[in-house]
Amino acid sequence: MAPDSSLYGLHAARTEASFSGFSAKLAVLFLISQVIFPFAAMAGSTNTGIPGALASLSLPSDSFNGEISPENLTRPAPANPAEGTAAVLWRNRIQIPIREPLVKKYIRFYEGAGRKSFSASLEKAAKCLPQMTEILQSQGVPGELVSIVFVESGFRGSSESYRGAGGYWQMLPATARLMGLRVNRWVDERLDPIKSTKAAAKYLRRLHDQYDSWLLAIAAYNAGTRLICDAAGRCRVEDGKLYGRRLPACSAVYVSKVMAAMNILRDPEKYGFRFPHFCRPTDYDPVLVTTNLSLEKVAQWVDVPVSRLKELNPSLRQNTMPPSSGFALRLPPGTREKFDLAYEVYSGR
């Protein structure tokens, strides 16, 4: 529980009645600290055994503190390099309905038939999971909602679905554009792990503001707001016991998959998985390009393979910059000067 502000008012009242002077105030402050700080320490504890939580889909832990201070996302790498990097330190953890049959089912699936694909996703996550986590948390979204990416794309950025959803977070084009991403024949920013995560964080935050529940936000992320709003509207009973078991079956399955992945990510070794060595964020030099410049020409100017430029600029769908709008091209570190000299000559010819 969080520190109770009524305790402070009670002690303050007694202070004025019983003490006076500077020394008395110091004594009272000391007593207050002994009451408040133990409560603050208890507030960080998490109970993951909540029977029926998927049924209610409204949890006490869904409350959000918007002021998140930056901190290191990962523990130091262990001495034995074969063990991989220690697990990510999640903040604002979500209570997982671990007793729900569907959650148990998908934990068993990831342990068994889905082990190979989950392990492959962990390896792919090494490049961008810490950055994604930091972006989510900086936007007021629990960092462990990166578990959605495990379910949606398995960290395959170029993944596309038959409905037109694409990228790491499998966002539909209309939703992506609504969240500020460029999606056209030249550029698809859903394929960029950083830009797409910023958009996903914005969208998840909006869904949470609408439903006041991260579990319902996850359900709406998959099924859309209309289905979830209809279910919530039909089944509202009272605070803490909302929605009954009327959540659409597809949404219950989806939420369970995300919760199962989240549960494994909290303690992968327990389930026989090994966290990979997380890669440091890729450095690059940004430059604004306002002409229809080809990647081949840029590669010649800065003396790097085209494949390296494509790796740094995953949102480019063509081998050229957009002809009618600027593009923030990412160059390998230390190549900006070469590019500027060559581009000046190219632009002035």
Protein backbone atom coordinates (compact mmCIF):
# COMPACT_ATOMS: atom_id res chain seq x y z
CA MET A 1 0.00 0.00 0.00
CA ALA A 2 1.10 3.59 -0.42
CA PRO A 3 1.87 5.86 2.53
CA ASP A 4 -1.37 7.10 4.08
CA SER A 5 -1.45 10.91 4.12
CA SER A 6 -3.97 10.82 7.02
CA LEU A 7 -1.20 9.51 9.27
CA TYR A 8 0.78 12.67 8.67
CA GLY A 9 -2.20 14.89 9.54
CA LEU A 10 -2.85 12.98 12.74
CA HIS A 11 0.75 13.26 13.95
CA ALA A 12 0.91 16.91 13.00
CA ALA A 13 -2.17 17.68 15.08
CA ARG A 14 -0.76 15.88 18.08
CA THR A 15 2.51 17.76 17.65
CA GLU A 16 0.89 21.16 18.02
CA ALA A 17 -1.04 20.04 21.06
CA SER A 18 1.78 18.30 22.92
CA PHE A 19 5.07 19.96 21.92
CA SER A 20 6.49 23.32 21.32
CA GLY A 21 9.83 24.65 20.18
CA PHE A 22 12.38 23.55 17.71
CA SER A 23 13.50 20.38 19.53
CA ALA A 24 9.95 19.10 19.78
CA LYS A 25 9.43 19.49 16.04
CA LEU A 26 12.56 17.49 15.33
CA ALA A 27 11.32 14.70 17.56
CA VAL A 28 7.97 14.56 15.81
CA LEU A 29 9.57 14.53 12.38
CA PHE A 30 11.66 11.59 13.46
CA LEU A 31 8.54 9.72 14.61
CA ILE A 32 6.74 10.48 11.36
CA SER A 33 9.66 9.14 9.33
CA GLN A 34 9.50 5.88 11.30
CA VAL A 35 5.84 5.49 10.30
CA ILE A 36 5.95 6.65 6.70
CA PHE A 37 9.09 5.03 5.34
CA PRO A 38 8.13 1.44 6.25
CA PHE A 39 4.89 1.98 4.34
CA ALA A 40 6.83 3.34 1.38
CA ALA A 41 9.02 0.25 1.36
CA MET A 42 5.97 -1.99 1.45
CA ALA A 43 4.45 -0.15 -1.52
CA GLY A 44 7.03 -1.63 -3.86
CA SER A 45 6.07 -5.24 -3.11
CA THR A 46 4.10 -7.13 -5.73
CA ASN A 47 1.60 -9.95 -5.25
CA THR A 48 1.22 -11.97 -8.42
CA GLY A 49 -1.25 -14.53 -7.15
CA ILE A 50 -4.65 -12.98 -7.81
CA PRO A 51 -7.41 -15.51 -8.45
CA GLY A 52 -9.95 -14.38 -11.02
CA ALA A 53 -8.01 -11.28 -12.02
CA LEU A 54 -8.55 -11.90 -15.70
CA ALA A 55 -12.26 -11.97 -14.99
CA SER A 56 -12.30 -8.58 -13.28
CA LEU A 57 -9.57 -7.00 -15.40
CA SER A 58 -9.35 -4.13 -12.95
CA LEU A 59 -6.45 -4.37 -10.56
CA PRO A 60 -5.25 -2.19 -7.67
CA SER A 61 -1.80 -2.11 -9.28
CA ASP A 62 -3.22 -0.43 -12.36
CA SER A 63 -2.78 2.98 -10.70
CA PHE A 64 -0.05 5.02 -12.35
CA ASN A 65 2.49 7.46 -11.01
CA GLY A 66 3.42 9.71 -13.91
CA GLU A 67 6.69 10.94 -12.38
CA ILE A 68 9.27 8.32 -13.30
CA SER A 69 12.91 9.04 -12.63
CA PRO A 70 15.47 7.64 -15.07
CA GLU A 71 17.57 4.75 -13.83
CA ASN A 72 19.65 1.90 -15.19
CA LEU A 73 17.46 -0.70 -16.86
CA THR A 74 19.66 -3.74 -16.42
CA ARG A 75 21.78 -5.19 -13.68
CA PRO A 76 25.51 -5.53 -14.41
CA ALA A 77 26.33 -8.48 -16.65
CA PRO A 78 27.33 -11.57 -14.63
CA ALA A 79 30.95 -12.69 -14.50
CA ASN A 80 30.26 -15.79 -16.58
CA PRO A 81 29.52 -14.56 -20.13
CA ALA A 82 27.72 -17.81 -20.96
CA GLU A 83 24.96 -16.85 -18.55
CA GLY A 84 23.83 -13.85 -20.56
CA THR A 85 22.77 -10.47 -19.22
CA ALA A 86 20.72 -10.36 -16.04
CA ALA A 87 16.99 -9.69 -16.36
CA VAL A 88 15.65 -6.21 -16.97
CA LEU A 89 14.64 -4.30 -13.84
CA TRP A 90 10.97 -3.58 -14.37
CA ARG A 91 9.27 -0.63 -12.70
CA ASN A 92 5.51 -0.15 -12.12
CA ARG A 93 5.05 -3.91 -12.32
CA ILE A 94 1.65 -5.26 -13.30
CA GLN A 95 -0.02 -7.89 -11.14
CA ILE A 96 -0.17 -11.07 -13.21
CA PRO A 97 -3.27 -13.27 -12.76
CA ILE A 98 -1.05 -16.33 -12.48
CA ARG A 99 -3.87 -18.61 -11.32
CA GLU A 100 -5.96 -18.07 -14.42
CA PRO A 101 -6.17 -21.31 -16.44
CA LEU A 102 -5.42 -19.53 -19.73
CA VAL A 103 -2.32 -17.87 -18.31
CA LYS A 104 -1.10 -21.22 -17.00
CA LYS A 105 -1.82 -22.79 -20.39
CA TYR A 106 0.38 -20.33 -22.28
CA ILE A 107 3.18 -20.51 -19.73
CA ARG A 108 3.23 -24.25 -20.39
CA PHE A 109 3.13 -23.58 -24.13
CA TYR A 110 6.16 -21.28 -24.00
CA GLU A 111 7.94 -23.87 -21.87
CA GLY A 112 7.12 -26.65 -24.31
CA ALA A 113 5.97 -26.41 -27.93
CA GLY A 114 6.68 -22.66 -28.12
CA ARG A 115 10.11 -22.80 -26.48
CA LYS A 116 12.11 -22.55 -29.70
CA SER A 117 10.25 -19.49 -30.98
CA PHE A 118 10.31 -17.79 -27.55
CA SER A 119 14.07 -18.37 -27.29
CA ALA A 120 14.53 -16.92 -30.78
CA SER A 121 12.54 -13.86 -29.75
CA LEU A 122 14.77 -13.42 -26.72
CA GLU A 123 17.83 -13.43 -28.93
CA LYS A 124 16.32 -10.86 -31.29
CA ALA A 125 15.27 -8.73 -28.31
CA ALA A 126 18.94 -8.30 -27.33
CA LYS A 127 19.32 -5.35 -29.72
CA CYS A 128 16.44 -3.19 -28.60
CA LEU A 129 14.58 -4.48 -25.53
CA PRO A 130 16.36 -2.20 -23.01
CA GLN A 131 15.72 0.86 -25.19
CA MET A 132 12.08 -0.11 -25.69
CA THR A 133 11.67 -0.58 -21.95
CA GLU A 134 13.16 2.84 -21.23
CA ILE A 135 10.88 4.51 -23.78
CA LEU A 136 7.76 2.88 -22.34
CA GLN A 137 8.64 3.85 -18.79
CA SER A 138 9.53 7.40 -19.77
CA GLN A 139 6.03 7.73 -21.23
CA GLY A 140 4.33 6.45 -18.08
CA VAL A 141 3.77 2.92 -19.36
CA PRO A 142 5.01 -0.14 -17.40
CA GLY A 143 8.20 -1.25 -19.13
CA GLU A 144 7.22 -4.91 -18.98
CA LEU A 145 4.47 -4.22 -21.53
CA VAL A 146 7.29 -4.83 -23.99
CA SER A 147 5.95 -8.40 -23.58
CA ILE A 148 3.38 -7.38 -26.20
CA VAL A 149 6.18 -7.40 -28.78
CA PHE A 150 6.96 -11.03 -27.93
CA VAL A 151 3.37 -11.93 -28.77
CA GLU A 152 2.87 -9.60 -31.74
CA SER A 153 6.08 -9.99 -33.76
CA GLY A 154 8.66 -11.89 -31.76
CA PHE A 155 10.94 -8.86 -32.31
CA ARG A 156 10.90 -9.37 -36.07
CA GLY A 157 10.67 -5.76 -37.17
CA SER A 158 9.74 -6.56 -40.77
CA SER A 159 6.88 -8.82 -39.73
CA GLU A 160 3.54 -8.13 -41.45
CA SER A 161 0.07 -9.60 -40.97
CA TYR A 162 -2.66 -10.24 -43.49
CA ARG A 163 -4.68 -7.33 -42.09
CA GLY A 164 -1.94 -4.84 -42.92
CA ALA A 165 -0.50 -4.56 -39.40
CA GLY A 166 3.26 -4.32 -39.40
CA GLY A 167 6.44 -3.70 -37.48
CA TYR A 168 7.54 -4.63 -34.00
CA TRP A 169 4.24 -3.66 -32.41
CA GLN A 170 2.07 -4.81 -35.35
CA MET A 171 0.21 -1.53 -35.62
CA LEU A 172 -2.31 -0.94 -38.38
CA PRO A 173 -1.37 1.89 -40.76
CA ALA A 174 -4.25 4.12 -39.62
CA THR A 175 -3.39 3.67 -35.94
CA ALA A 176 0.30 4.27 -36.61
CA ARG A 177 -0.42 7.51 -38.46
CA LEU A 178 -2.76 8.61 -35.68
CA MET A 179 0.12 8.13 -33.24
CA GLY A 180 2.43 10.26 -35.38
CA LEU A 181 4.28 7.68 -37.49
CA ARG A 182 4.99 8.03 -41.20
CA VAL A 183 3.59 5.13 -43.21
CA ASN A 184 3.77 5.46 -47.00
CA ARG A 185 5.48 3.84 -49.99
CA TRP A 186 8.82 5.42 -49.07
CA VAL A 187 8.92 5.31 -45.28
CA ASP A 188 7.31 2.98 -42.74
CA GLU A 189 8.29 4.01 -39.24
CA ARG A 190 6.53 0.98 -37.74
CA LEU A 191 9.71 -0.89 -38.77
CA ASP A 192 11.87 1.33 -36.56
CA PRO A 193 12.08 -0.11 -33.02
CA ILE A 194 12.54 3.28 -31.37
CA LYS A 195 9.95 5.32 -33.26
CA SER A 196 7.38 2.53 -33.20
CA THR A 197 7.81 2.06 -29.44
CA LYS A 198 7.22 5.76 -28.85
CA ALA A 199 3.98 5.46 -30.83
CA ALA A 200 2.95 2.27 -29.00
CA ALA A 201 3.63 3.92 -25.65
CA LYS A 202 1.44 6.84 -26.63
CA TYR A 203 -1.34 4.50 -27.74
CA LEU A 204 -1.17 2.27 -24.65
CA ARG A 205 -1.21 5.31 -22.42
CA ARG A 206 -4.31 6.58 -24.20
CA LEU A 207 -6.03 3.20 -23.75
CA HIS A 208 -5.11 3.13 -20.07
CA ASP A 209 -6.53 6.61 -19.61
CA GLN A 210 -9.76 5.36 -21.18
CA TYR A 211 -10.14 2.15 -19.14
CA ASP A 212 -8.04 2.84 -16.03
CA SER A 213 -6.62 -0.68 -16.32
CA TRP A 214 -3.48 -1.94 -18.03
CA LEU A 215 -5.06 -5.34 -18.63
CA LEU A 216 -8.00 -3.76 -20.44
CA ALA A 217 -5.56 -1.55 -22.35
CA ILE A 218 -3.79 -4.72 -23.54
CA ALA A 219 -7.11 -6.24 -24.56
CA ALA A 220 -8.11 -3.09 -26.47
CA TYR A 221 -4.69 -2.94 -28.14
CA ASN A 222 -5.52 -6.28 -29.74
CA ALA A 223 -9.28 -6.18 -30.26
CA GLY A 224 -9.93 -2.47 -30.65
CA THR A 225 -11.81 -0.16 -28.37
CA ARG A 226 -15.29 -0.94 -29.70
CA LEU A 227 -15.31 -4.58 -28.54
CA ILE A 228 -13.80 -3.78 -25.16
CA CYS A 229 -16.09 -0.80 -24.57
CA ASP A 230 -19.12 -2.94 -25.42
CA ALA A 231 -18.02 -5.65 -22.97
CA ALA A 232 -17.29 -3.11 -20.25
CA GLY A 233 -20.60 -1.33 -20.79
CA ARG A 234 -22.67 -4.51 -20.55
CA CYS A 235 -20.97 -5.89 -17.46
CA ARG A 236 -20.17 -3.00 -15.17
CA VAL A 237 -21.10 -3.91 -11.62
CA GLU A 238 -18.97 -2.05 -9.12
CA ASP A 239 -15.41 -0.83 -8.74
CA GLY A 240 -13.02 -3.74 -8.32
CA LYS A 241 -15.50 -6.23 -9.82
CA LEU A 242 -15.87 -5.00 -13.36
CA TYR A 243 -16.70 -6.75 -16.62
CA GLY A 244 -17.46 -10.22 -15.26
CA ARG A 245 -16.34 -12.90 -17.71
CA ARG A 246 -17.82 -11.19 -20.78
CA LEU A 247 -14.51 -10.24 -22.34
CA PRO A 248 -14.36 -11.49 -25.96
CA ALA A 249 -12.69 -14.89 -26.14
CA CYS A 250 -10.00 -13.67 -28.53
CA SER A 251 -9.10 -10.87 -26.12
CA ALA A 252 -8.92 -13.22 -23.14
CA VAL A 253 -6.51 -15.43 -25.10
CA TYR A 254 -4.40 -12.46 -26.18
CA VAL A 255 -4.14 -10.98 -22.68
CA SER A 256 -3.23 -14.42 -21.34
CA LYS A 257 -0.41 -14.79 -23.87
CA VAL A 258 1.01 -11.39 -22.90
CA MET A 259 0.71 -12.17 -19.18
CA ALA A 260 2.42 -15.55 -19.69
CA ALA A 261 5.30 -13.95 -21.60
CA MET A 262 5.58 -11.25 -18.94
CA ASN A 263 5.71 -13.85 -16.18
CA ILE A 264 8.55 -15.72 -17.90
CA LEU A 265 10.50 -12.50 -18.55
CA ARG A 266 10.46 -11.70 -14.84
CA ASP A 267 12.36 -14.90 -14.05
CA PRO A 268 13.46 -16.61 -17.29
CA GLU A 269 15.90 -18.98 -15.59
CA LYS A 270 13.02 -20.48 -13.60
CA TYR A 271 11.50 -21.65 -16.88
CA GLY A 272 14.73 -22.78 -18.46
CA PHE A 273 15.39 -19.67 -20.58
CA ARG A 274 18.57 -17.63 -20.64
CA PHE A 275 18.61 -13.90 -21.15
CA PRO A 276 20.95 -12.86 -23.97
CA HIS A 277 23.63 -10.19 -23.68
CA PHE A 278 21.75 -6.97 -24.29
CA CYS A 279 23.49 -4.82 -26.87
CA ARG A 280 24.31 -1.22 -26.17
CA PRO A 281 22.22 1.31 -28.15
CA THR A 282 23.59 1.78 -31.65
CA ASP A 283 25.38 5.09 -32.11
CA TYR A 284 24.76 7.11 -35.26
CA ASP A 285 25.17 10.56 -36.72
CA PRO A 286 21.84 12.06 -37.90
CA VAL A 287 21.62 14.27 -40.98
CA LEU A 288 18.58 15.78 -42.67
CA VAL A 289 18.33 14.86 -46.37
CA THR A 290 15.86 16.83 -48.47
CA THR A 291 16.61 15.32 -51.88
CA ASN A 292 15.82 11.98 -53.51
CA LEU A 293 19.24 10.58 -52.64
CA SER A 294 20.05 6.88 -53.07
CA LEU A 295 21.56 4.72 -50.36
CA GLU A 296 24.13 3.43 -52.85
CA LYS A 297 25.49 6.94 -53.38
CA VAL A 298 25.59 7.62 -49.65
CA ALA A 299 27.40 4.31 -49.10
CA GLN A 300 30.05 5.35 -51.62
CA TRP A 301 30.50 8.75 -50.00
CA VAL A 302 31.02 7.45 -46.47
CA ASP A 303 32.66 4.15 -47.47
CA VAL A 304 30.28 1.72 -45.74
CA PRO A 305 28.12 -1.13 -47.12
CA VAL A 306 24.56 -0.35 -48.13
CA SER A 307 23.48 -3.07 -45.71
CA ARG A 308 24.88 -0.99 -42.84
CA LEU A 309 22.81 2.01 -43.87
CA LYS A 310 19.71 -0.15 -44.13
CA GLU A 311 20.38 -1.52 -40.66
CA LEU A 312 20.59 2.00 -39.23
CA ASN A 313 17.50 3.16 -41.18
CA PRO A 314 14.98 0.31 -40.97
CA SER A 315 12.03 2.57 -41.77
CA LEU A 316 13.23 3.21 -45.34
CA ARG A 317 11.21 1.00 -47.67
CA GLN A 318 13.11 1.99 -50.80
CA ASN A 319 16.81 2.40 -51.52
CA THR A 320 16.26 6.14 -51.87
CA MET A 321 15.13 9.00 -49.65
CA PRO A 322 11.53 10.26 -49.98
CA PRO A 323 11.36 12.68 -52.93
CA SER A 324 8.85 15.15 -51.51
CA SER A 325 9.74 15.35 -47.82
CA GLY A 326 12.85 15.41 -45.69
CA PHE A 327 14.28 12.33 -44.07
CA ALA A 328 16.50 12.15 -40.97
CA LEU A 329 19.14 9.77 -42.26
CA ARG A 330 21.24 7.91 -39.68
CA LEU A 331 24.91 7.60 -40.59
CA PRO A 332 27.54 5.41 -38.92
CA PRO A 333 29.47 7.31 -36.23
CA GLY A 334 32.36 9.37 -37.58
CA THR A 335 31.07 9.58 -41.16
CA ARG A 336 29.14 12.84 -40.95
CA GLU A 337 32.04 14.98 -42.16
CA LYS A 338 32.58 12.83 -45.25
CA PHE A 339 28.88 13.00 -46.03
CA ASP A 340 28.65 16.78 -45.60
CA LEU A 341 31.55 17.41 -48.00
CA ALA A 342 30.18 15.06 -50.64
CA TYR A 343 26.61 16.29 -50.25
CA GLU A 344 27.70 19.91 -50.64
CA VAL A 345 29.35 19.08 -53.96
CA TYR A 346 26.34 16.98 -55.02
CA SER A 347 23.81 19.71 -54.15
CA GLY A 348 25.76 22.50 -55.86
CA ARG A 349 26.43 20.81 -59.17
